[in-house]
Protein backbone atom coordinates (compact mmCIF):
# COMPACT_ATOMS: atom_id res chain seq x y z
CA MET A 1 217.77 -46.01 224.73
CA PRO A 2 221.07 -44.65 226.04
CA ASP A 3 221.31 -40.87 226.27
CA ALA A 4 224.06 -39.40 224.11
CA GLY A 5 224.47 -36.64 226.69
CA ILE A 6 224.95 -33.91 224.12
CA ALA A 7 221.74 -32.03 224.88
CA ARG A 8 223.03 -31.63 228.45
CA LEU A 9 226.14 -29.91 227.10
CA PHE A 10 223.93 -27.26 225.48
CA SER A 11 221.96 -26.62 228.67
CA VAL A 12 221.60 -23.08 229.99
CA GLU A 13 223.78 -23.95 232.98
CA ASN A 14 226.65 -25.38 230.95
CA ARG A 15 226.65 -22.58 228.40
CA PHE A 16 226.54 -19.85 231.06
CA GLN A 17 229.38 -21.53 232.90
CA ALA A 18 231.38 -21.66 229.67
CA ARG A 19 230.87 -17.91 229.29
CA LEU A 20 232.20 -17.34 232.78
CA ASP A 21 235.18 -19.55 231.97
CA VAL A 22 235.94 -17.35 228.97
CA GLU A 23 235.62 -14.19 231.06
CA ALA A 24 238.04 -15.69 233.59
CA ALA A 25 240.56 -16.59 230.88
CA LEU A 26 240.23 -13.11 229.38
CA ALA A 27 240.88 -11.41 232.71
CA GLN A 28 243.89 -13.60 233.43
CA ALA A 29 245.35 -12.97 229.98
CA GLU A 30 244.80 -9.23 230.31
CA ALA A 31 246.40 -9.17 233.75
CA GLU A 32 249.37 -11.07 232.38
CA VAL A 33 250.08 -8.36 229.79
CA GLY A 34 249.26 -5.47 232.10
CA LEU A 35 245.93 -4.38 230.65
CA ILE A 36 244.20 -4.86 234.00
CA PRO A 37 245.62 -5.19 237.52
CA VAL A 38 246.86 -8.64 238.50
CA PRO A 39 244.63 -8.76 241.62
CA ALA A 40 241.62 -8.01 239.38
CA GLY A 41 242.49 -10.92 237.12
CA GLU A 42 242.79 -13.22 240.12
CA ALA A 43 239.52 -12.02 241.64
CA ILE A 44 237.62 -12.42 238.39
CA ALA A 45 238.94 -15.94 237.85
CA ALA A 46 238.10 -16.95 241.42
CA ALA A 47 234.51 -15.70 241.10
CA ALA A 48 233.77 -17.37 237.75
CA GLN A 49 231.39 -20.01 239.10
CA LEU A 50 227.75 -19.93 238.12
CA ASP A 51 226.47 -21.02 241.53
CA LYS A 52 227.87 -17.79 243.01
CA LEU A 53 225.58 -15.65 240.83
CA ASP A 54 222.01 -14.60 241.55
CA LEU A 55 220.34 -15.85 238.38
CA ALA A 56 216.96 -14.42 239.31
CA ARG A 57 218.63 -11.03 239.17
CA VAL A 58 220.04 -11.97 235.74
CA ALA A 59 216.55 -12.94 234.61
CA ALA A 60 215.00 -9.66 235.65
CA ALA A 61 217.79 -7.63 234.06
CA THR A 62 217.60 -9.64 230.84
CA ALA A 63 213.87 -8.96 230.56
CA ALA A 64 214.52 -5.24 230.97
CA ALA A 65 217.68 -4.92 228.85
CA SER A 66 216.84 -7.41 226.10
CA HIS A 67 220.53 -8.24 225.72
CA PRO A 68 222.00 -11.77 225.63
CA LEU A 69 225.09 -11.13 227.78
CA VAL A 70 225.15 -7.76 229.58
CA PRO A 71 222.91 -8.85 232.51
CA LEU A 72 225.13 -11.87 233.13
CA ILE A 73 228.24 -9.67 233.02
CA GLU A 74 226.73 -7.11 235.39
CA GLU A 75 225.82 -9.80 237.90
CA PHE A 76 229.25 -11.37 237.53
CA ALA A 77 230.90 -7.98 238.18
CA ARG A 78 228.76 -7.56 241.31
CA VAL A 79 229.95 -10.95 242.59
CA VAL A 80 233.58 -10.07 241.83
CA GLY A 81 233.13 -7.03 244.03
CA ARG A 82 233.39 -3.26 243.90
CA GLU A 83 237.19 -3.19 243.93
CA HIS A 84 237.76 -5.38 240.88
CA GLY A 85 234.35 -5.83 239.23
CA GLY A 86 234.90 -2.90 236.87
CA TRP A 87 237.59 -4.89 235.05
CA VAL A 88 235.19 -7.69 234.04
CA HIS A 89 234.73 -8.04 230.26
CA TRP A 90 237.44 -5.44 229.62
CA GLY A 91 237.75 -4.63 225.90
CA ALA A 92 235.61 -7.54 224.74
CA THR A 93 232.41 -7.50 222.73
CA THR A 94 229.51 -9.87 223.34
CA GLN A 95 230.29 -12.29 220.53
CA ASN A 96 233.89 -12.59 221.71
CA ILE A 97 232.53 -14.23 224.82
CA THR A 98 229.50 -16.11 223.51
CA GLN A 99 231.18 -17.63 220.45
CA THR A 100 234.34 -18.58 222.32
CA ALA A 101 232.22 -20.16 225.05
CA ASP A 102 230.28 -22.05 222.41
CA MET A 103 233.58 -23.44 221.16
CA LEU A 104 234.13 -24.98 224.58
CA VAL A 105 230.68 -26.55 224.47
CA LEU A 106 231.13 -27.69 220.86
CA ARG A 107 234.49 -29.21 221.69
CA ASP A 108 232.86 -31.39 224.36
CA ALA A 109 230.05 -32.30 221.96
CA HIS A 110 232.62 -33.08 219.26
CA ARG A 111 234.47 -35.43 221.61
CA GLU A 112 231.20 -37.14 222.48
CA ILE A 113 230.33 -37.61 218.81
CA LYS A 114 233.75 -39.15 218.18
CA ARG A 115 233.33 -41.43 221.19
CA LEU A 116 230.00 -42.62 219.81
CA LEU A 117 231.56 -43.10 216.38
CA ALA A 118 234.13 -45.39 217.99
CA GLN A 119 231.28 -47.52 219.35
CA VAL A 120 229.57 -47.56 215.96
CA LEU A 121 232.78 -48.65 214.24
CA ARG A 122 233.41 -51.43 216.74
CA ALA A 123 229.90 -52.74 216.14
CA MET A 124 230.40 -52.49 212.37
CA SER A 125 233.72 -54.29 212.67
CA LYS A 126 232.06 -57.15 214.53
CA GLN A 127 229.37 -57.47 211.87
CA ALA A 128 231.80 -57.26 208.94
CA ASP A 129 234.02 -59.96 210.46
CA SER A 130 231.28 -62.38 211.45
CA ALA A 131 229.39 -62.00 208.16
CA ALA A 132 232.40 -61.68 205.86
CA ALA A 133 231.55 -64.93 204.07
CA ILE A 134 227.74 -64.98 204.37
CA PRO A 135 226.45 -64.75 200.77
CA MET A 136 223.46 -62.62 199.87
CA ALA A 137 222.01 -60.94 196.80
CA GLY A 138 223.68 -57.73 195.77
CA ARG A 139 221.03 -55.30 194.58
CA THR A 140 221.23 -52.35 192.23
CA HIS A 141 218.11 -50.32 191.39
CA SER A 142 216.44 -52.67 193.94
CA GLN A 143 216.94 -55.63 191.56
CA HIS A 144 219.25 -58.61 191.90
CA ALA A 145 222.67 -57.69 190.53
CA VAL A 146 225.52 -60.06 191.43
CA PRO A 147 226.15 -61.87 194.72
CA ILE A 148 227.91 -60.17 197.63
CA THR A 149 228.36 -61.05 201.29
CA PHE A 150 226.70 -59.26 204.15
CA GLY A 151 230.17 -58.40 205.39
CA PHE A 152 230.79 -56.56 202.13
CA LYS A 153 227.62 -54.52 202.67
CA VAL A 154 228.89 -53.53 206.12
CA ALA A 155 232.30 -52.70 204.59
CA VAL A 156 230.55 -50.02 202.52
CA TRP A 157 229.15 -48.52 205.72
CA ILE A 158 232.60 -48.63 207.33
CA ASP A 159 234.28 -46.90 204.41
CA GLU A 160 231.92 -43.92 204.54
CA THR A 161 231.88 -43.73 208.33
CA THR A 162 235.66 -43.70 208.67
CA ALA A 163 235.82 -40.99 205.99
CA HIS A 164 233.52 -38.86 208.14
CA VAL A 165 235.79 -39.45 211.14
CA ASP A 166 238.69 -38.16 209.06
CA ARG A 167 236.67 -35.08 208.09
CA LEU A 168 235.72 -34.40 211.71
CA GLU A 169 239.34 -34.59 212.77
CA ARG A 170 240.63 -32.42 209.93
CA LEU A 171 238.26 -29.55 210.66
CA GLU A 172 239.25 -29.25 214.32
CA ASP A 173 242.04 -26.72 213.76
CA ARG A 174 239.68 -24.50 211.77
CA LEU A 175 236.86 -24.85 214.27
CA PHE A 176 238.14 -24.71 217.82
CA ARG A 177 239.43 -21.14 217.92
CA VAL A 178 238.95 -18.20 220.23
CA LEU A 179 237.21 -15.13 218.83
CA MET A 180 238.90 -12.35 220.73
CA GLY A 181 239.38 -9.36 218.42
CA GLY A 182 237.01 -6.86 219.94
CA ALA A 183 234.08 -5.19 218.22
CA VAL A 184 235.05 -5.92 214.59
CA GLY A 185 238.21 -8.00 214.95
CA THR A 186 240.91 -5.30 214.86
CA PHE A 187 241.96 -5.55 218.55
CA ALA A 188 241.43 -1.78 218.84
CA SER A 189 240.06 -2.01 222.38
CA PHE A 190 243.05 -4.08 223.53
CA GLY A 191 245.68 -1.81 221.99
CA PRO A 192 249.10 -3.23 221.05
CA ALA A 193 248.58 -6.14 223.46
CA GLY A 194 245.67 -7.54 221.43
CA ARG A 195 247.44 -10.53 219.99
CA ASP A 196 249.01 -11.33 223.36
CA VAL A 197 245.59 -11.26 224.99
CA GLU A 198 244.21 -13.54 222.29
CA ARG A 199 247.11 -15.94 222.75
CA GLY A 200 246.69 -15.97 226.52
CA VAL A 201 242.98 -16.73 226.29
CA ALA A 202 243.58 -19.46 223.71
CA GLU A 203 246.25 -21.15 225.82
CA ARG A 204 244.12 -21.12 228.95
CA LEU A 205 241.10 -22.58 227.16
CA GLY A 206 243.00 -25.04 225.00
CA LEU A 207 241.82 -23.38 221.79
CA LYS A 208 243.64 -21.95 218.78
CA GLU A 209 243.92 -18.37 217.56
CA MET A 210 242.21 -16.82 214.53
CA PRO A 211 244.44 -15.23 211.87
CA VAL A 212 241.67 -12.66 211.35
CA PRO A 213 239.43 -12.56 214.45
CA SER A 214 236.41 -11.23 212.59
CA ARG A 215 232.91 -11.87 213.83
CA ALA A 216 231.83 -12.41 210.21
CA ILE A 217 234.06 -15.50 209.80
CA ASN A 218 232.11 -18.62 210.68
CA ASP A 219 233.07 -21.13 207.98
CA GLY A 220 234.62 -23.52 210.51
CA ILE A 221 231.32 -23.89 212.34
CA VAL A 222 229.46 -24.22 209.04
CA GLU A 223 231.91 -26.92 207.98
CA LEU A 224 231.09 -28.89 211.13
CA VAL A 225 227.37 -28.76 210.33
CA LEU A 226 228.02 -29.91 206.76
CA VAL A 227 230.20 -32.83 207.90
CA LEU A 228 227.55 -33.85 210.42
CA GLY A 229 225.10 -33.70 207.50
CA LEU A 230 227.32 -36.10 205.56
CA LEU A 231 227.47 -38.38 208.58
CA ALA A 232 223.68 -38.24 208.77
CA GLY A 233 223.51 -39.21 205.09
CA THR A 234 225.51 -42.38 205.73
CA ALA A 235 223.44 -43.15 208.82
CA GLY A 236 220.26 -42.66 206.81
CA LYS A 237 221.48 -45.10 204.17
CA ILE A 238 222.23 -47.69 206.85
CA GLY A 239 218.79 -47.10 208.32
CA LYS A 240 217.17 -47.60 204.91
CA ASP A 241 219.14 -50.80 204.33
CA ILE A 242 218.01 -52.27 207.66
CA TYR A 243 214.47 -51.00 207.09
CA SER A 244 214.33 -52.79 203.73
CA LEU A 245 215.98 -56.00 204.91
CA MET A 246 213.44 -56.28 207.75
CA GLN A 247 210.52 -56.40 205.30
CA PRO A 248 208.90 -59.85 205.26
CA GLU A 249 209.63 -60.04 201.52
CA PHE A 250 213.35 -59.85 202.39
CA GLY A 251 213.61 -61.09 205.97
CA GLU A 252 217.41 -61.03 205.90
CA ALA A 253 218.39 -58.75 208.80
CA PHE A 254 216.59 -57.36 211.85
CA GLU A 255 217.28 -54.62 214.34
CA PRO A 256 217.10 -55.84 217.96
CA ILE A 257 213.64 -55.66 219.47
CA PRO A 258 213.39 -56.36 223.22
CA TYR A 259 210.79 -58.86 224.31
CA GLY A 260 207.49 -57.14 225.00
CA THR A 261 208.03 -54.26 222.58
CA VAL A 262 204.73 -53.32 220.94
CA GLY A 263 204.90 -52.66 217.21
CA SER A 264 201.26 -51.76 216.66
CA SER A 265 198.24 -50.96 218.81
CA THR A 266 196.00 -53.06 216.54
CA MET A 267 198.25 -55.62 214.87
CA PRO A 268 199.95 -57.81 217.49
CA HIS A 269 202.26 -59.45 214.96
CA LYS A 270 204.04 -56.26 213.92
CA ARG A 271 207.82 -56.07 214.36
CA ASN A 272 208.46 -52.54 213.21
CA PRO A 273 211.93 -51.17 212.45
CA GLN A 274 211.53 -48.42 215.04
CA LEU A 275 215.20 -47.55 215.48
CA ALA A 276 215.87 -47.61 211.74
CA LEU A 277 212.91 -45.30 211.20
CA ASP A 278 214.25 -42.94 213.85
CA VAL A 279 217.62 -42.87 212.09
CA ILE A 280 216.03 -42.20 208.69
CA SER A 281 213.84 -39.34 209.90
CA SER A 282 216.54 -37.76 212.09
CA SER A 283 218.97 -38.05 209.18
CA ALA A 284 216.61 -36.04 207.01
CA GLN A 285 216.24 -33.38 209.70
CA LEU A 286 219.98 -33.05 210.24
CA ARG A 287 220.78 -32.92 206.51
CA ALA A 288 218.19 -30.15 206.13
CA LEU A 289 220.30 -27.97 208.43
CA ALA A 290 222.99 -27.64 205.76
CA GLY A 291 220.96 -24.93 204.02
CA PRO A 292 220.54 -22.65 207.06
CA ALA A 293 224.18 -23.22 208.00
CA LEU A 294 225.36 -22.02 204.59
CA GLU A 295 222.92 -19.12 204.73
CA SER A 296 224.54 -17.99 207.98
CA MET A 297 227.73 -17.15 206.10
CA LEU A 298 226.04 -14.15 204.49
CA HIS A 299 227.11 -11.54 207.03
CA ASP A 300 226.83 -8.04 205.72
CA HIS A 301 229.98 -6.05 206.41
CA GLU A 302 231.69 -6.90 209.73
CA ALA A 303 228.87 -8.73 211.55
CA ASN A 304 225.19 -9.51 211.42
CA GLY A 305 223.60 -10.74 214.63
CA ALA A 306 220.85 -12.58 212.79
CA MET A 307 223.41 -14.74 210.98
CA THR A 308 225.25 -15.41 214.23
CA ALA A 309 222.07 -16.43 216.06
CA LEU A 310 221.00 -18.62 213.14
CA LEU A 311 224.24 -20.59 213.18
CA GLU A 312 224.27 -20.91 216.98
CA ASP A 313 220.88 -22.60 216.79
CA VAL A 314 221.75 -24.77 213.79
CA VAL A 315 225.03 -26.14 215.15
CA ALA A 316 223.41 -26.98 218.50
CA GLN A 317 220.60 -28.86 216.76
CA ALA A 318 223.03 -30.66 214.45
CA SER A 319 225.27 -31.77 217.32
CA VAL A 320 222.38 -33.12 219.41
CA MET A 321 220.80 -34.90 216.44
CA ALA A 322 224.13 -36.47 215.45
CA GLY A 323 224.50 -37.87 218.94
CA ASP A 324 220.97 -39.25 218.96
CA ILE A 325 221.46 -40.87 215.55
CA LEU A 326 224.73 -42.50 216.61
CA THR A 327 223.27 -43.91 219.83
CA ARG A 328 220.61 -45.64 217.75
CA LEU A 329 223.16 -46.99 215.29
CA VAL A 330 225.15 -48.48 218.17
CA VAL A 331 222.07 -50.33 219.44
CA ILE A 332 221.09 -51.49 215.93
CA LEU A 333 224.53 -52.73 214.95
CA ASP A 334 225.40 -54.30 218.31
CA GLY A 335 222.23 -56.37 218.27
CA LEU A 336 221.68 -56.91 214.54
CA GLU A 337 220.16 -60.31 213.80
CA LEU A 338 220.91 -62.01 210.47
CA ASP A 339 218.91 -64.79 208.81
CA GLU A 340 221.52 -66.60 206.70
CA GLN A 341 219.03 -69.19 205.50
CA ARG A 342 216.72 -66.48 204.18
CA MET A 343 219.63 -64.78 202.43
CA ARG A 344 220.46 -68.00 200.62
CA ALA A 345 216.81 -68.56 199.78
CA ASN A 346 216.57 -65.08 198.28
CA LEU A 347 219.71 -65.73 196.25
CA ALA A 348 217.90 -68.69 194.69
CA LEU A 349 214.74 -66.74 193.84
CA SER A 350 215.81 -66.09 190.26
CA GLU A 351 216.78 -69.72 189.73
CA GLY A 352 220.29 -68.91 188.58
CA LEU A 353 219.70 -65.58 186.82
CA ILE A 354 221.86 -63.82 189.41
CA GLY A 355 224.77 -65.85 187.98
CA SER A 356 224.32 -64.57 184.42
CA GLU A 357 227.41 -62.32 184.56
CA SER A 358 229.55 -65.19 185.80
CA LEU A 359 228.47 -67.37 182.88
CA MET A 360 228.80 -64.51 180.38
CA MET A 361 232.38 -63.74 181.43
CA GLU A 362 233.44 -67.37 181.04
CA LEU A 363 231.67 -67.68 177.71
CA GLY A 364 233.16 -64.38 176.58
CA GLU A 365 236.65 -65.79 176.93
CA ARG A 366 235.72 -68.32 174.25
CA ILE A 367 233.54 -66.36 171.82
CA GLY A 368 234.08 -62.69 172.73
CA ARG A 369 232.40 -60.56 175.34
CA GLN A 370 229.74 -58.88 173.17
CA LYS A 371 228.62 -62.09 171.52
CA ALA A 372 228.48 -63.83 174.89
CA HIS A 373 226.40 -60.98 176.30
CA GLU A 374 223.89 -61.23 173.46
CA ILE A 375 223.45 -64.96 173.90
CA VAL A 376 223.09 -64.92 177.69
CA PHE A 377 220.81 -61.86 177.47
CA ASP A 378 218.48 -63.62 175.02
CA VAL A 379 218.33 -66.72 177.19
CA ALA A 380 217.65 -64.66 180.32
CA GLN A 381 214.82 -62.75 178.61
CA GLU A 382 213.29 -65.98 177.36
CA SER A 383 213.46 -67.38 180.90
CA ALA A 384 211.54 -64.37 182.18
CA ARG A 385 208.94 -64.43 179.41
CA ARG A 386 208.23 -68.14 179.60
CA ASP A 387 208.85 -68.50 183.33
CA ALA A 388 211.19 -71.30 182.37
CA PRO A 389 214.26 -72.35 184.40
CA PHE A 390 217.33 -70.39 183.31
CA LEU A 391 219.53 -73.45 183.74
CA ASP A 392 217.39 -75.62 181.44
CA LEU A 393 217.41 -72.99 178.71
CA LEU A 394 221.18 -72.60 178.94
CA VAL A 395 221.70 -76.35 178.69
CA ALA A 396 219.47 -76.38 175.62
CA ASP A 397 221.27 -73.46 173.93
CA GLU A 398 223.57 -74.72 171.19
CA VAL A 399 226.35 -72.16 171.71
CA VAL A 400 226.42 -72.48 175.48
CA ALA A 401 226.20 -76.28 175.37
CA ALA A 402 229.10 -76.37 172.90
CA HIS A 403 231.42 -74.88 175.52
CA PHE A 404 230.08 -76.03 178.91
CA SER A 405 228.66 -79.19 180.38
CA GLU A 406 225.58 -79.01 182.59
CA ALA A 407 227.77 -79.43 185.67
CA GLU A 408 229.95 -76.52 184.55
CA ILE A 409 226.90 -74.35 183.95
CA ARG A 410 225.61 -75.19 187.44
CA ARG A 411 228.96 -74.21 188.92
CA LEU A 412 229.01 -70.91 187.02
CA LEU A 413 225.50 -70.07 188.20
CA ASP A 414 226.30 -70.90 191.85
CA PRO A 415 226.32 -67.48 193.59
CA THR A 416 228.75 -68.65 196.27
CA HIS A 417 231.39 -69.11 193.53
CA TYR A 418 231.06 -65.50 192.31
CA LEU A 419 231.70 -63.37 195.35
CA GLY A 420 234.77 -61.65 193.96
CA GLU A 421 236.79 -60.00 196.73
CA SER A 422 233.78 -59.62 199.04
CA ILE A 423 235.32 -61.64 201.86
CA ALA A 424 238.74 -59.99 201.64
CA ILE A 425 237.22 -56.50 201.50
CA ALA A 426 234.94 -57.19 204.47
CA THR A 427 237.81 -58.54 206.55
CA ALA A 428 240.12 -55.65 205.67
CA MET A 429 237.49 -53.03 206.46
CA ALA A 430 236.65 -54.74 209.75
CA GLN A 431 240.29 -54.35 210.74
CA HIS A 432 240.29 -50.73 209.54
CA ALA A 433 237.18 -49.97 211.61
CA ARG A 434 238.84 -51.38 214.73
CA ALA A 435 241.97 -49.31 214.13
CA VAL A 436 240.00 -46.08 213.75
CA ALA A 437 237.88 -46.93 216.81
CA ASP A 438 241.04 -47.49 218.84
CA ARG A 439 242.28 -44.07 217.81
CA LEU A 440 238.98 -42.51 218.83
CA GLN A 441 238.80 -44.16 222.24
CA ILE A 442 237.79 -41.14 224.30
CA PRO A 443 236.31 -41.07 227.83
CA ALA A 444 232.76 -39.83 228.18
CA VAL A 445 232.53 -36.05 228.42
CA ALA A 446 231.58 -34.34 231.65
CA PRO A 447 231.71 -30.60 232.20
CA ALA A 448 234.73 -29.49 234.22
CA ARG A 449 232.34 -27.80 236.64
CA ARG A 450 228.88 -28.76 237.80
CA PRO A 451 227.03 -25.45 238.16
CA ALA A 452 223.88 -25.21 240.21
CA PRO A 453 220.58 -25.45 238.28
CA VAL A 454 219.26 -22.25 236.81
CA PRO A 455 215.97 -21.23 238.51
CA ASP A 456 212.83 -21.53 236.40
CA ALA A 457 212.27 -17.78 236.49
CA ALA A 458 215.73 -17.22 235.06
CA ARG A 459 215.19 -19.81 232.35
CA VAL A 460 212.15 -18.02 230.96
CA ALA A 461 214.02 -14.76 230.64
CA VAL A 462 217.30 -16.07 229.25
CA ALA A 463 216.14 -18.95 227.05
CA ALA A 464 215.79 -16.71 224.01
CA ASP A 465 219.55 -16.25 223.98
CA VAL A 466 220.39 -19.94 224.25
CA PRO A 467 219.64 -21.93 221.07
CA VAL A 468 217.67 -25.04 221.93
CA PRO A 469 218.03 -28.21 219.84
CA VAL A 470 214.81 -29.26 218.14
CA GLU A 471 213.50 -32.49 219.56
CA PRO A 472 214.55 -35.20 217.08
CA ALA A 473 212.35 -37.85 215.55
CA GLY A 474 211.76 -40.75 217.89
CA ALA A 475 211.57 -38.37 220.81
CA ASP A 476 210.04 -41.08 222.92
CA LEU A 477 213.58 -42.38 223.16
CA VAL A 478 215.33 -39.05 223.73
CA ALA A 479 214.85 -36.58 226.56
CA ALA A 480 214.38 -33.09 225.19
CA THR A 481 216.34 -30.26 226.76
CA GLU A 482 214.51 -28.58 229.63
CA VAL A 483 214.72 -25.17 228.00
CA ALA A 484 212.32 -26.09 225.20
CA ASP A 485 209.17 -25.37 227.18
CA GLU A 486 210.43 -21.99 228.31
CA LYS A 487 211.31 -21.01 224.74
CA VAL A 488 207.74 -21.79 223.74
CA LEU A 489 206.50 -19.48 226.49
CA LEU A 490 208.58 -16.67 225.12
CA SER A 491 207.13 -17.05 221.65
CA ALA A 492 203.57 -17.45 222.80
């Protein structure tokens, strides 16, 4: 299973490096407006590389100070040097740095999610095009309704997925912002140059500014979690559809299963929908994060660290899970196998009953819709009670026979003649999916810098500050972040 790469973005190394990047941008912006000496800004920016820091020292200081950022800042100031180190972190509060750094990480994760969505949409487009005219039973309340095509079913998936892409794009301006207002968001520690500092940091990091840089404002991050929850809902529906269609009683569509894959330790014949099950269970886990995300908005007064920590953890989990879900959807949709013969056989299971609406509509034009519904309903119920062929009963019905020949009744009951706009809709949505995928064509994300690995001793001490994504369902296919074990040690 391909690795979405998003868990790597939330690694200790990458998040610490992002914090140093923010400190560098802050120092440069402050030097530009005269808050700190220009040489100090240059020295701080030049030293902002994680592999220059002694992370064992950070670990020991973190254990003693029990603070998420101060030990890192102190070590960073030491590396900058005695002459300029005192200007590190000038006027900023912890959340200014940590939340802004998280925006850099989230932006990379966001790009990766959109890149994966482009792959999903291309796979959907291929399926919708190739199966645009393949008839199958449409099902409502799990019962035969009227005929559709498999391409139409995929068109439904495309419509929801592209809507989520639109939502993800629309929230970007509200999400990717610097938080640089000082302790409570009033710029008091920066003086009259506060807005200029904020602007300078934002420009250097490629982020936007906050109209009110309050630490209690987190609705943009919450919105991201909710949209990812919606995306998970659509993915879960797709997973359930594939899961159902793989049942022997349906046998209409199958996720790809490499030769040699074992479905059961005791039943050699099993072909289990493993990827679909992963998508369903991970979808449930991601959607469940909507509640904690909304809860995190309940800051009391100007900031509540518990709410901040809650949301940091939730958005990291949601981003990693979204990536894992999308990688599975790509594999499922790229290799989806359809059994057209079985679809046609299932259409014929009711011996024409699936065509009752088609017949009713034609008959209604002659005798009125309600009367036609009553007649066809009575015949259909009799067919079910007596287990008698629907066609034979219709031919024997006086009212129906007065308006249609047997050949006409057969034509009206033929499901391939009652597909409505299924083919046109499938084709149009396939084209739409390709267009959106083209717009989303984004190179794979790689951190701008490759910091040296954090020593194990440092991980144990600092892991409590770095939210770790919960290992998603189907973890046999996904590598969990290395920090997980250390976080368990801390809680033990």
